[in-house]
Amino acid sequence: MIVTGLKIEISQINAVDLNNILDRQFEIEESMEKIISSKDLDVSLVAVTDIINCNSEIIALGNRTDVIEKAFNVKLKNNRSFLKGIVSRKKQILPNIMEASK
């Protein structure tokens, strides 16, 4: 998807235990890097959503992760950040990224 000149892919994994997913961050990032390269993306974002507590941990890679940091007013550490209360790609993640990329 192209958002205001930003070529981005947003994926989401819903889980009850985020640690089971985040323990595999290295593998997830390897896949993300392949997708970035094959699709010539600026950013690949994976939201790992805790469906019990209604929060997400994001993993973001690419040459424009600054837009992700701006969209959620966070700093990525080890390519990750916690987003309290963020659970929807369509209603919360994408609109924030669209606004930040203007």
C-alpha atoms as a PDB file:
ATOM      1  CA  MET A   1       0.000   0.000   0.000  1.00  0.00           C
ATOM      2  CA  ILE A   2       1.183   3.530  -0.707  1.00  0.00           C
ATOM      3  CA  VAL A   3       0.400   6.133   1.934  1.00  0.00           C
ATOM      4  CA  THR A   4       1.265   9.714   0.974  1.00  0.00           C
ATOM      5  CA  GLY A   5       4.352   8.630  -0.959  1.00  0.00           C
ATOM      6  CA  LEU A   6       5.300   6.018   1.646  1.00  0.00           C
ATOM      7  CA  LYS A   7       5.336   2.442   0.413  1.00  0.00           C
ATOM      8  CA  ILE A   8       4.370   0.350   3.442  1.00  0.00           C
ATOM      9  CA  GLU A   9       3.097  -3.073   4.396  1.00  0.00           C
ATOM     10  CA  ILE A  10       1.267  -3.595   7.688  1.00  0.00           C
ATOM     11  CA  SER A  11       0.782  -7.083   9.097  1.00  0.00           C
ATOM     12  CA  GLN A  12      -0.847  -8.174  12.322  1.00  0.00           C
ATOM     13  CA  ILE A  13      -0.550 -11.215  14.547  1.00  0.00           C
ATOM     14  CA  ASN A  14      -3.239 -11.664  17.213  1.00  0.00           C
ATOM     15  CA  ALA A  15      -2.133 -13.574  20.300  1.00  0.00           C
ATOM     16  CA  VAL A  16      -2.937 -14.239  23.944  1.00  0.00           C
ATOM     17  CA  ASP A  17       0.740 -14.378  24.928  1.00  0.00           C
ATOM     18  CA  LEU A  18       2.927 -11.835  23.151  1.00  0.00           C
ATOM     19  CA  ASN A  19       6.137 -13.398  24.423  1.00  0.00           C
ATOM     20  CA  ASN A  20       5.515 -16.565  22.398  1.00  0.00           C
ATOM     21  CA  ILE A  21       5.567 -14.419  19.259  1.00  0.00           C
ATOM     22  CA  LEU A  22       8.180 -11.852  20.279  1.00  0.00           C
ATOM     23  CA  ASP A  23      10.638 -14.602  21.214  1.00  0.00           C
ATOM     24  CA  ARG A  24      10.781 -15.216  17.458  1.00  0.00           C
ATOM     25  CA  GLN A  25      11.573 -11.585  16.591  1.00  0.00           C
ATOM     26  CA  PHE A  26      14.733 -12.533  14.704  1.00  0.00           C
ATOM     27  CA  GLU A  27      12.772 -14.846  12.400  1.00  0.00           C
ATOM     28  CA  ILE A  28      10.036 -12.253  11.923  1.00  0.00           C
ATOM     29  CA  GLU A  29      12.617  -9.597  11.027  1.00  0.00           C
ATOM     30  CA  GLU A  30      14.286 -11.907   8.504  1.00  0.00           C
ATOM     31  CA  SER A  31      10.939 -12.327   6.746  1.00  0.00           C
ATOM     32  CA  MET A  32      10.251  -8.600   6.933  1.00  0.00           C
ATOM     33  CA  GLU A  33      13.616  -7.803   5.333  1.00  0.00           C
ATOM     34  CA  LYS A  34      12.888 -10.180   2.452  1.00  0.00           C
ATOM     35  CA  ILE A  35       9.493  -8.532   1.924  1.00  0.00           C
ATOM     36  CA  ILE A  36      11.028  -5.040   2.029  1.00  0.00           C
ATOM     37  CA  SER A  37      13.558  -6.064  -0.598  1.00  0.00           C
ATOM     38  CA  SER A  38      11.188  -7.935  -2.892  1.00  0.00           C
ATOM     39  CA  LYS A  39       8.472  -5.264  -2.820  1.00  0.00           C
ATOM     40  CA  ASP A  40      10.810  -2.246  -2.589  1.00  0.00           C
ATOM     41  CA  LEU A  41       9.047  -1.003   0.555  1.00  0.00           C
ATOM     42  CA  ASP A  42       9.952   1.979   2.709  1.00  0.00           C
ATOM     43  CA  VAL A  43       8.567   0.291   5.841  1.00  0.00           C
ATOM     44  CA  SER A  44       7.339  -3.097   6.945  1.00  0.00           C
ATOM     45  CA  LEU A  45       5.384  -3.097  10.191  1.00  0.00           C
ATOM     46  CA  VAL A  46       4.145  -6.087  12.175  1.00  0.00           C
ATOM     47  CA  ALA A  47       1.721  -5.447  15.024  1.00  0.00           C
ATOM     48  CA  VAL A  48       1.681  -8.243  17.561  1.00  0.00           C
ATOM     49  CA  THR A  49      -1.653  -7.664  19.291  1.00  0.00           C
ATOM     50  CA  ASP A  50      -2.525  -8.872  22.767  1.00  0.00           C
ATOM     51  CA  ILE A  51      -6.212  -9.695  22.365  1.00  0.00           C
ATOM     52  CA  ILE A  52      -6.716 -10.101  26.129  1.00  0.00           C
ATOM     53  CA  ASN A  53      -5.221  -6.780  27.300  1.00  0.00           C
ATOM     54  CA  CYS A  54      -5.955  -4.801  24.102  1.00  0.00           C
ATOM     55  CA  ASN A  55      -2.435  -3.546  23.400  1.00  0.00           C
ATOM     56  CA  SER A  56       0.112  -4.137  20.670  1.00  0.00           C
ATOM     57  CA  GLU A  57       3.853  -4.448  20.387  1.00  0.00           C
ATOM     58  CA  ILE A  58       5.062  -3.342  16.970  1.00  0.00           C
ATOM     59  CA  ILE A  59       8.123  -4.363  15.034  1.00  0.00           C
ATOM     60  CA  ALA A  60       9.109  -1.906  12.304  1.00  0.00           C
ATOM     61  CA  LEU A  61      11.899  -2.141   9.731  1.00  0.00           C
ATOM     62  CA  GLY A  62      12.882  -0.078   6.733  1.00  0.00           C
ATOM     63  CA  ASN A  63      14.397   3.238   5.801  1.00  0.00           C
ATOM     64  CA  ARG A  64      11.394   5.303   6.980  1.00  0.00           C
ATOM     65  CA  THR A  65      10.723   3.988  10.480  1.00  0.00           C
ATOM     66  CA  ASP A  66      10.848   7.636  11.542  1.00  0.00           C
ATOM     67  CA  VAL A  67       7.257   7.907  10.261  1.00  0.00           C
ATOM     68  CA  ILE A  68       6.219   5.056  12.568  1.00  0.00           C
ATOM     69  CA  GLU A  69       7.884   6.767  15.534  1.00  0.00           C
ATOM     70  CA  LYS A  70       6.131  10.026  14.675  1.00  0.00           C
ATOM     71  CA  ALA A  71       2.759   8.310  14.137  1.00  0.00           C
ATOM     72  CA  PHE A  72       2.708   6.886  17.649  1.00  0.00           C
ATOM     73  CA  ASN A  73       5.009   9.328  19.452  1.00  0.00           C
ATOM     74  CA  VAL A  74       7.413   6.513  20.383  1.00  0.00           C
ATOM     75  CA  LYS A  75      11.048   5.586  19.934  1.00  0.00           C
ATOM     76  CA  LEU A  76      11.764   2.162  18.489  1.00  0.00           C
ATOM     77  CA  LYS A  77      14.195   0.150  20.589  1.00  0.00           C
ATOM     78  CA  ASN A  78      15.524  -3.011  18.979  1.00  0.00           C
ATOM     79  CA  ASN A  79      13.043  -2.215  16.155  1.00  0.00           C
ATOM     80  CA  ARG A  80      10.125  -2.516  18.622  1.00  0.00           C
ATOM     81  CA  SER A  81       7.733  -0.364  20.604  1.00  0.00           C
ATOM     82  CA  PHE A  82       4.709  -0.913  22.844  1.00  0.00           C
ATOM     83  CA  LEU A  83       1.422   0.726  21.810  1.00  0.00           C
ATOM     84  CA  LYS A  84      -1.066   0.904  24.663  1.00  0.00           C
ATOM     85  CA  GLY A  85      -4.670   0.538  23.543  1.00  0.00           C
ATOM     86  CA  ILE A  86      -3.791   0.050  19.874  1.00  0.00           C
ATOM     87  CA  VAL A  87      -5.438  -3.053  18.391  1.00  0.00           C
ATOM     88  CA  SER A  88      -6.868  -2.168  14.966  1.00  0.00           C
ATOM     89  CA  ARG A  89      -4.847  -1.809  11.758  1.00  0.00           C
ATOM     90  CA  LYS A  90      -7.721  -0.121   9.918  1.00  0.00           C
ATOM     91  CA  LYS A  91      -9.030   2.193  12.632  1.00  0.00           C
ATOM     92  CA  GLN A  92      -5.892   3.031  14.626  1.00  0.00           C
ATOM     93  CA  ILE A  93      -2.603   2.056  12.985  1.00  0.00           C
ATOM     94  CA  LEU A  94      -3.189   3.146   9.391  1.00  0.00           C
ATOM     95  CA  PRO A  95      -4.827   6.510  10.208  1.00  0.00           C
ATOM     96  CA  ASN A  96      -1.935   7.444  12.516  1.00  0.00           C
ATOM     97  CA  ILE A  97       0.623   6.539   9.862  1.00  0.00           C
ATOM     98  CA  MET A  98      -1.285   8.445   7.175  1.00  0.00           C
ATOM     99  CA  GLU A  99      -1.351  11.568   9.366  1.00  0.00           C
ATOM    100  CA  ALA A 100       2.345  11.281  10.265  1.00  0.00           C
ATOM    101  CA  SER A 101       3.418  10.830   6.640  1.00  0.00           C
ATOM    102  CA  LYS A 102       1.901  14.139   5.480  1.00  0.00           C
END
